[in-house]
Amino acid sequence: IKVIAHHLEEKRRQREEQMLREQQERRNRAMFEQESRNMEVSMSVEERKRKDDLEAVMGLAREHPEDVALLIRTWLMEE
């Protein structure tokens, strides 16, 4: 009877430890996801403007590559 009780107690302890590990992993994952969302939301006004400007320039380069090339050549000549 002692052997069976000890075995059952060991199984119970293992289940509890597994549940604690799983809970900690869920907490860690939730914290990581929250931090990721906060970083995206906390993009500064300057960063957002720079991103928008870069997208606009890339669009312009796709639509009018010759004009962009001329502009770059002009800048390079000025320097």
PDB file of N, CA and C in Angstrom:
ATOM      1  N   ILE A   1       0.834  -1.193   0.000  1.00  0.00           N
ATOM      2  CA  ILE A   1       0.000   0.000   0.000  1.00  0.00           C
ATOM      3  C   ILE A   1       0.872   1.247   0.000  1.00  0.00           C
ATOM      4  N   LYS A   2       1.970   1.238   0.748  1.00  0.00           N
ATOM      5  CA  LYS A   2       2.869   2.392   0.778  1.00  0.00           C
ATOM      6  C   LYS A   2       3.462   2.654  -0.600  1.00  0.00           C
ATOM      7  N   VAL A   3       3.801   1.606  -1.330  1.00  0.00           N
ATOM      8  CA  VAL A   3       4.383   1.741  -2.663  1.00  0.00           C
ATOM      9  C   VAL A   3       3.375   2.391  -3.602  1.00  0.00           C
ATOM     10  N   ILE A   4       2.134   1.945  -3.532  1.00  0.00           N
ATOM     11  CA  ILE A   4       1.089   2.513  -4.393  1.00  0.00           C
ATOM     12  C   ILE A   4       0.842   3.969  -4.031  1.00  0.00           C
ATOM     13  N   ALA A   5       0.754   4.277  -2.743  1.00  0.00           N
ATOM     14  CA  ALA A   5       0.538   5.657  -2.300  1.00  0.00           C
ATOM     15  C   ALA A   5       1.689   6.552  -2.742  1.00  0.00           C
ATOM     16  N   HIS A   6       2.910   6.028  -2.597  1.00  0.00           N
ATOM     17  CA  HIS A   6       4.084   6.800  -3.029  1.00  0.00           C
ATOM     18  C   HIS A   6       4.040   7.031  -4.542  1.00  0.00           C
ATOM     19  N   HIS A   7       3.689   6.014  -5.302  1.00  0.00           N
ATOM     20  CA  HIS A   7       3.603   6.125  -6.759  1.00  0.00           C
ATOM     21  C   HIS A   7       2.530   7.156  -7.162  1.00  0.00           C
ATOM     22  N   LEU A   8       1.355   7.085  -6.528  1.00  0.00           N
ATOM     23  CA  LEU A   8       0.286   8.048  -6.822  1.00  0.00           C
ATOM     24  C   LEU A   8       0.701   9.469  -6.460  1.00  0.00           C
ATOM     25  N   GLU A   9       1.388   9.614  -5.330  1.00  0.00           N
ATOM     26  CA  GLU A   9       1.864  10.940  -4.907  1.00  0.00           C
ATOM     27  C   GLU A   9       2.887  11.481  -5.903  1.00  0.00           C
ATOM     28  N   GLU A  10       3.771  10.635  -6.383  1.00  0.00           N
ATOM     29  CA  GLU A  10       4.773  11.047  -7.371  1.00  0.00           C
ATOM     30  C   GLU A  10       4.093  11.478  -8.673  1.00  0.00           C
ATOM     31  N   LYS A  11       3.098  10.731  -9.138  1.00  0.00           N
ATOM     32  CA  LYS A  11       2.356  11.092 -10.359  1.00  0.00           C
ATOM     33  C   LYS A  11       1.643  12.438 -10.178  1.00  0.00           C
ATOM     34  N   ARG A  12       1.031  12.648  -9.003  1.00  0.00           N
ATOM     35  CA  ARG A  12       0.344  13.908  -8.723  1.00  0.00           C
ATOM     36  C   ARG A  12       1.329  15.076  -8.756  1.00  0.00           C
ATOM     37  N   ARG A  13       2.487  14.877  -8.147  1.00  0.00           N
ATOM     38  CA  ARG A  13       3.511  15.926  -8.120  1.00  0.00           C
ATOM     39  C   ARG A  13       4.005  16.235  -9.536  1.00  0.00           C
ATOM     40  N   GLN A  14       4.202  15.229 -10.344  1.00  0.00           N
ATOM     41  CA  GLN A  14       4.642  15.430 -11.728  1.00  0.00           C
ATOM     42  C   GLN A  14       3.592  16.202 -12.538  1.00  0.00           C
ATOM     43  N   ARG A  15       2.296  15.856 -12.330  1.00  0.00           N
ATOM     44  CA  ARG A  15       1.229  16.583 -13.043  1.00  0.00           C
ATOM     45  C   ARG A  15       1.215  18.052 -12.626  1.00  0.00           C
ATOM     46  N   GLU A  16       1.364  18.317 -11.329  1.00  0.00           N
ATOM     47  CA  GLU A  16       1.378  19.698 -10.842  1.00  0.00           C
ATOM     48  C   GLU A  16       2.553  20.479 -11.423  1.00  0.00           C
ATOM     49  N   GLU A  17       3.730  19.842 -11.448  1.00  0.00           N
ATOM     50  CA  GLU A  17       4.907  20.502 -12.019  1.00  0.00           C
ATOM     51  C   GLU A  17       4.698  20.799 -13.497  1.00  0.00           C
ATOM     52  N   GLN A  18       4.117  19.855 -14.235  1.00  0.00           N
ATOM     53  CA  GLN A  18       3.848  20.064 -15.659  1.00  0.00           C
ATOM     54  C   GLN A  18       2.867  21.218 -15.857  1.00  0.00           C
ATOM     55  N   MET A  19       1.823  21.263 -15.031  1.00  0.00           N
ATOM     56  CA  MET A  19       0.845  22.351 -15.134  1.00  0.00           C
ATOM     57  C   MET A  19       1.511  23.698 -14.849  1.00  0.00           C
ATOM     58  N   LEU A  20       2.390  23.756 -13.860  1.00  0.00           N
ATOM     59  CA  LEU A  20       3.088  24.999 -13.544  1.00  0.00           C
ATOM     60  C   LEU A  20       3.984  25.435 -14.700  1.00  0.00           C
ATOM     61  N   ARG A  21       4.684  24.472 -15.313  1.00  0.00           N
ATOM     62  CA  ARG A  21       5.537  24.806 -16.471  1.00  0.00           C
ATOM     63  C   ARG A  21       4.693  25.354 -17.621  1.00  0.00           C
ATOM     64  N   GLU A  22       3.556  24.712 -17.892  1.00  0.00           N
ATOM     65  CA  GLU A  22       2.680  25.164 -18.982  1.00  0.00           C
ATOM     66  C   GLU A  22       2.114  26.553 -18.692  1.00  0.00           C
ATOM     67  N   GLN A  23       1.725  26.800 -17.447  1.00  0.00           N
ATOM     68  CA  GLN A  23       1.212  28.130 -17.083  1.00  0.00           C
ATOM     69  C   GLN A  23       2.283  29.186 -17.272  1.00  0.00           C
ATOM     70  N   GLN A  24       3.511  28.886 -16.848  1.00  0.00           N
ATOM     71  CA  GLN A  24       4.600  29.852 -16.994  1.00  0.00           C
ATOM     72  C   GLN A  24       4.881  30.120 -18.469  1.00  0.00           C
ATOM     73  N   GLU A  25       4.842  29.080 -19.276  1.00  0.00           N
ATOM     74  CA  GLU A  25       5.073  29.254 -20.715  1.00  0.00           C
ATOM     75  C   GLU A  25       3.979  30.130 -21.332  1.00  0.00           C
ATOM     76  N   ARG A  26       2.720  29.917 -20.942  1.00  0.00           N
ATOM     77  CA  ARG A  26       1.627  30.757 -21.450  1.00  0.00           C
ATOM     78  C   ARG A  26       1.811  32.213 -21.017  1.00  0.00           C
ATOM     79  N   ARG A  27       2.226  32.420 -19.762  1.00  0.00           N
ATOM     80  CA  ARG A  27       2.471  33.794 -19.294  1.00  0.00           C
ATOM     81  C   ARG A  27       3.595  34.452 -20.088  1.00  0.00           C
ATOM     82  N   ASN A  28       4.681  33.706 -20.299  1.00  0.00           N
ATOM     83  CA  ASN A  28       5.811  34.254 -21.063  1.00  0.00           C
ATOM     84  C   ASN A  28       5.391  34.600 -22.491  1.00  0.00           C
ATOM     85  N   ARG A  29       4.622  33.721 -23.109  1.00  0.00           N
ATOM     86  CA  ARG A  29       4.171  33.956 -24.485  1.00  0.00           C
ATOM     87  C   ARG A  29       3.258  35.179 -24.541  1.00  0.00           C
ATOM     88  N   ALA A  30       2.357  35.307 -23.565  1.00  0.00           N
ATOM     89  CA  ALA A  30       1.445  36.453 -23.525  1.00  0.00           C
ATOM     90  C   ALA A  30       2.220  37.755 -23.331  1.00  0.00           C
ATOM     91  N   MET A  31       3.223  37.733 -22.447  1.00  0.00           N
ATOM     92  CA  MET A  31       4.029  38.941 -22.230  1.00  0.00           C
ATOM     93  C   MET A  31       4.786  39.322 -23.493  1.00  0.00           C
ATOM     94  N   PHE A  32       5.343  38.327 -24.197  1.00  0.00           N
ATOM     95  CA  PHE A  32       6.072  38.601 -25.437  1.00  0.00           C
ATOM     96  C   PHE A  32       5.151  39.200 -26.488  1.00  0.00           C
ATOM     97  N   GLU A  33       3.954  38.627 -26.629  1.00  0.00           N
ATOM     98  CA  GLU A  33       2.994  39.145 -27.611  1.00  0.00           C
ATOM     99  C   GLU A  33       2.577  40.571 -27.264  1.00  0.00           C
ATOM    100  N   GLN A  34       2.370  40.844 -25.970  1.00  0.00           N
ATOM    101  CA  GLN A  34       1.984  42.189 -25.549  1.00  0.00           C
ATOM    102  C   GLN A  34       3.105  43.184 -25.846  1.00  0.00           C
ATOM    103  N   GLU A  35       4.348  42.802 -25.565  1.00  0.00           N
ATOM    104  CA  GLU A  35       5.475  43.685 -25.851  1.00  0.00           C
ATOM    105  C   GLU A  35       5.580  43.953 -27.349  1.00  0.00           C
ATOM    106  N   SER A  36       5.347  42.928 -28.160  1.00  0.00           N
ATOM    107  CA  SER A  36       5.401  43.104 -29.616  1.00  0.00           C
ATOM    108  C   SER A  36       4.333  44.091 -30.074  1.00  0.00           C
ATOM    109  N   ARG A  37       3.110  43.937 -29.537  1.00  0.00           N
ATOM    110  CA  ARG A  37       2.031  44.862 -29.917  1.00  0.00           C
ATOM    111  C   ARG A  37       2.348  46.283 -29.473  1.00  0.00           C
ATOM    112  N   ASN A  38       2.908  46.436 -28.279  1.00  0.00           N
ATOM    113  CA  ASN A  38       3.237  47.771 -27.777  1.00  0.00           C
ATOM    114  C   ASN A  38       4.304  48.433 -28.629  1.00  0.00           C
ATOM    115  N   MET A  39       5.275  47.651 -29.123  1.00  0.00           N
ATOM    116  CA  MET A  39       6.319  48.242 -29.957  1.00  0.00           C
ATOM    117  C   MET A  39       5.721  48.756 -31.257  1.00  0.00           C
ATOM    118  N   GLU A  40       4.775  48.012 -31.829  1.00  0.00           N
ATOM    119  CA  GLU A  40       4.153  48.455 -33.071  1.00  0.00           C
ATOM    120  C   GLU A  40       3.324  49.717 -32.840  1.00  0.00           C
ATOM    121  N   VAL A  41       2.595  49.749 -31.732  1.00  0.00           N
ATOM    122  CA  VAL A  41       1.724  50.886 -31.439  1.00  0.00           C
ATOM    123  C   VAL A  41       2.534  52.107 -31.081  1.00  0.00           C
ATOM    124  N   SER A  42       3.668  51.902 -30.418  1.00  0.00           N
ATOM    125  CA  SER A  42       4.439  53.035 -29.915  1.00  0.00           C
ATOM    126  C   SER A  42       5.393  53.623 -30.951  1.00  0.00           C
ATOM    127  N   MET A  43       5.180  53.343 -32.216  1.00  0.00           N
ATOM    128  CA  MET A  43       6.014  53.925 -33.252  1.00  0.00           C
ATOM    129  C   MET A  43       5.850  55.443 -33.179  1.00  0.00           C
ATOM    130  N   SER A  44       6.969  56.136 -33.089  1.00  0.00           N
ATOM    131  CA  SER A  44       6.909  57.582 -32.918  1.00  0.00           C
ATOM    132  C   SER A  44       6.372  58.260 -34.181  1.00  0.00           C
ATOM    133  N   VAL A  45       5.986  59.490 -34.028  1.00  0.00           N
ATOM    134  CA  VAL A  45       5.470  60.268 -35.161  1.00  0.00           C
ATOM    135  C   VAL A  45       6.546  60.377 -36.232  1.00  0.00           C
ATOM    136  N   GLU A  46       7.792  60.608 -35.802  1.00  0.00           N
ATOM    137  CA  GLU A  46       8.885  60.726 -36.769  1.00  0.00           C
ATOM    138  C   GLU A  46       9.103  59.418 -37.519  1.00  0.00           C
ATOM    139  N   GLU A  47       9.052  58.287 -36.792  1.00  0.00           N
ATOM    140  CA  GLU A  47       9.235  56.984 -37.441  1.00  0.00           C
ATOM    141  C   GLU A  47       8.109  56.709 -38.434  1.00  0.00           C
ATOM    142  N   ARG A  48       6.893  57.028 -38.041  1.00  0.00           N
ATOM    143  CA  ARG A  48       5.756  56.802 -38.931  1.00  0.00           C
ATOM    144  C   ARG A  48       5.873  57.687 -40.178  1.00  0.00           C
ATOM    145  N   LYS A  49       6.276  58.959 -40.002  1.00  0.00           N
ATOM    146  CA  LYS A  49       6.435  59.871 -41.141  1.00  0.00           C
ATOM    147  C   LYS A  49       7.533  59.358 -42.067  1.00  0.00           C
ATOM    148  N   ARG A  50       8.641  58.924 -41.470  1.00  0.00           N
ATOM    149  CA  ARG A  50       9.752  58.410 -42.283  1.00  0.00           C
ATOM    150  C   ARG A  50       9.300  57.178 -43.076  1.00  0.00           C
ATOM    151  N   LYS A  51       8.539  56.296 -42.438  1.00  0.00           N
ATOM    152  CA  LYS A  51       8.039  55.102 -43.129  1.00  0.00           C
ATOM    153  C   LYS A  51       7.114  55.504 -44.273  1.00  0.00           C
ATOM    154  N   ASP A  52       6.213  56.446 -44.026  1.00  0.00           N
ATOM    155  CA  ASP A  52       5.298  56.904 -45.077  1.00  0.00           C
ATOM    156  C   ASP A  52       6.069  57.558 -46.225  1.00  0.00           C
ATOM    157  N   ASP A  53       7.067  58.382 -45.884  1.00  0.00           N
ATOM    158  CA  ASP A  53       7.879  59.032 -46.923  1.00  0.00           C
ATOM    159  C   ASP A  53       8.620  58.001 -47.765  1.00  0.00           C
ATOM    160  N   LEU A  54       9.181  57.007 -47.100  1.00  0.00           N
ATOM    161  CA  LEU A  54       9.911  55.967 -47.818  1.00  0.00           C
ATOM    162  C   LEU A  54       8.985  55.204 -48.764  1.00  0.00           C
ATOM    163  N   GLU A  55       7.783  54.887 -48.312  1.00  0.00           N
ATOM    164  CA  GLU A  55       6.827  54.199 -49.174  1.00  0.00           C
ATOM    165  C   GLU A  55       6.445  55.072 -50.368  1.00  0.00           C
ATOM    166  N   ALA A  56       6.291  56.376 -50.145  1.00  0.00           N
ATOM    167  CA  ALA A  56       5.947  57.288 -51.233  1.00  0.00           C
ATOM    168  C   ALA A  56       7.083  57.356 -52.257  1.00  0.00           C
ATOM    169  N   VAL A  57       8.308  57.424 -51.768  1.00  0.00           N
ATOM    170  CA  VAL A  57       9.464  57.481 -52.671  1.00  0.00           C
ATOM    171  C   VAL A  57       9.572  56.184 -53.475  1.00  0.00           C
ATOM    172  N   MET A  58       9.350  55.070 -52.821  1.00  0.00           N
ATOM    173  CA  MET A  58       9.418  53.794 -53.541  1.00  0.00           C
ATOM    174  C   MET A  58       8.331  53.714 -54.607  1.00  0.00           C
ATOM    175  N   GLY A  59       7.151  54.209 -54.297  1.00  0.00           N
ATOM    176  CA  GLY A  59       6.079  54.234 -55.286  1.00  0.00           C
ATOM    177  C   GLY A  59       6.429  55.124 -56.465  1.00  0.00           C
ATOM    178  N   LEU A  60       7.002  56.290 -56.154  1.00  0.00           N
ATOM    179  CA  LEU A  60       7.416  57.211 -57.220  1.00  0.00           C
ATOM    180  C   LEU A  60       8.494  56.577 -58.092  1.00  0.00           C
ATOM    181  N   ALA A  61       9.449  55.895 -57.477  1.00  0.00           N
ATOM    182  CA  ALA A  61      10.522  55.248 -58.237  1.00  0.00           C
ATOM    183  C   ALA A  61       9.970  54.168 -59.159  1.00  0.00           C
ATOM    184  N   ARG A  62       8.935  53.458 -58.714  1.00  0.00           N
ATOM    185  CA  ARG A  62       8.326  52.434 -59.580  1.00  0.00           C
ATOM    186  C   ARG A  62       7.572  53.068 -60.746  1.00  0.00           C
ATOM    187  N   GLU A  63       6.885  54.180 -60.461  1.00  0.00           N
ATOM    188  CA  GLU A  63       6.064  54.799 -61.504  1.00  0.00           C
ATOM    189  C   GLU A  63       6.868  55.656 -62.476  1.00  0.00           C
ATOM    190  N   HIS A  64       7.914  56.330 -61.971  1.00  0.00           N
ATOM    191  CA  HIS A  64       8.705  57.251 -62.809  1.00  0.00           C
ATOM    192  C   HIS A  64      10.196  57.033 -62.575  1.00  0.00           C
ATOM    193  N   PRO A  65      10.734  55.898 -62.984  1.00  0.00           N
ATOM    194  CA  PRO A  65      12.151  55.611 -62.701  1.00  0.00           C
ATOM    195  C   PRO A  65      13.111  56.599 -63.360  1.00  0.00           C
ATOM    196  N   GLU A  66      12.774  57.107 -64.533  1.00  0.00           N
ATOM    197  CA  GLU A  66      13.676  58.047 -65.214  1.00  0.00           C
ATOM    198  C   GLU A  66      13.787  59.343 -64.421  1.00  0.00           C
ATOM    199  N   ASP A  67      12.663  59.836 -63.920  1.00  0.00           N
ATOM    200  CA  ASP A  67      12.687  61.078 -63.136  1.00  0.00           C
ATOM    201  C   ASP A  67      13.501  60.909 -61.860  1.00  0.00           C
ATOM    202  N   VAL A  68      13.364  59.775 -61.229  1.00  0.00           N
ATOM    203  CA  VAL A  68      14.115  59.524 -59.997  1.00  0.00           C
ATOM    204  C   VAL A  68      15.605  59.436 -60.302  1.00  0.00           C
ATOM    205  N   ALA A  69      15.958  58.765 -61.390  1.00  0.00           N
ATOM    206  CA  ALA A  69      17.367  58.666 -61.774  1.00  0.00           C
ATOM    207  C   ALA A  69      17.942  60.052 -62.047  1.00  0.00           C
ATOM    208  N   LEU A  70      17.184  60.910 -62.725  1.00  0.00           N
ATOM    209  CA  LEU A  70      17.645  62.269 -63.002  1.00  0.00           C
ATOM    210  C   LEU A  70      17.838  63.053 -61.700  1.00  0.00           C
ATOM    211  N   LEU A  71      16.920  62.903 -60.787  1.00  0.00           N
ATOM    212  CA  LEU A  71      17.029  63.578 -59.502  1.00  0.00           C
ATOM    213  C   LEU A  71      18.284  63.136 -58.746  1.00  0.00           C
ATOM    214  N   ILE A  72      18.551  61.836 -58.733  1.00  0.00           N
ATOM    215  CA  ILE A  72      19.736  61.319 -58.040  1.00  0.00           C
ATOM    216  C   ILE A  72      21.007  61.837 -58.708  1.00  0.00           C
ATOM    217  N   ARG A  73      21.035  61.835 -60.034  1.00  0.00           N
ATOM    218  CA  ARG A  73      22.215  62.363 -60.738  1.00  0.00           C
ATOM    219  C   ARG A  73      22.443  63.832 -60.384  1.00  0.00           C
ATOM    220  N   THR A  74      21.357  64.601 -60.326  1.00  0.00           N
ATOM    221  CA  THR A  74      21.462  66.028 -59.985  1.00  0.00           C
ATOM    222  C   THR A  74      22.032  66.185 -58.569  1.00  0.00           C
ATOM    223  N   TRP A  75      21.553  65.417 -57.637  1.00  0.00           N
ATOM    224  CA  TRP A  75      22.069  65.492 -56.257  1.00  0.00           C
ATOM    225  C   TRP A  75      23.536  65.153 -56.222  1.00  0.00           C
ATOM    226  N   LEU A  76      23.937  64.116 -56.953  1.00  0.00           N
ATOM    227  CA  LEU A  76      25.317  63.715 -56.946  1.00  0.00           C
ATOM    228  C   LEU A  76      26.227  64.775 -57.555  1.00  0.00           C
ATOM    229  N   MET A  77      25.771  65.448 -58.594  1.00  0.00           N
ATOM    230  CA  MET A  77      26.558  66.511 -59.215  1.00  0.00           C
ATOM    231  C   MET A  77      26.733  67.695 -58.272  1.00  0.00           C
ATOM    232  N   GLU A  78      25.715  67.976 -57.477  1.00  0.00           N
ATOM    233  CA  GLU A  78      25.773  69.098 -56.549  1.00  0.00           C
ATOM    234  C   GLU A  78      26.781  68.835 -55.443  1.00  0.00           C
ATOM    235  N   GLU A  79      26.994  67.599 -55.091  1.00  0.00           N
ATOM    236  CA  GLU A  79      27.926  67.277 -54.006  1.00  0.00           C
ATOM    237  C   GLU A  79      29.283  67.118 -54.526  1.00  0.00           C
TER     238      GLU A  79
END
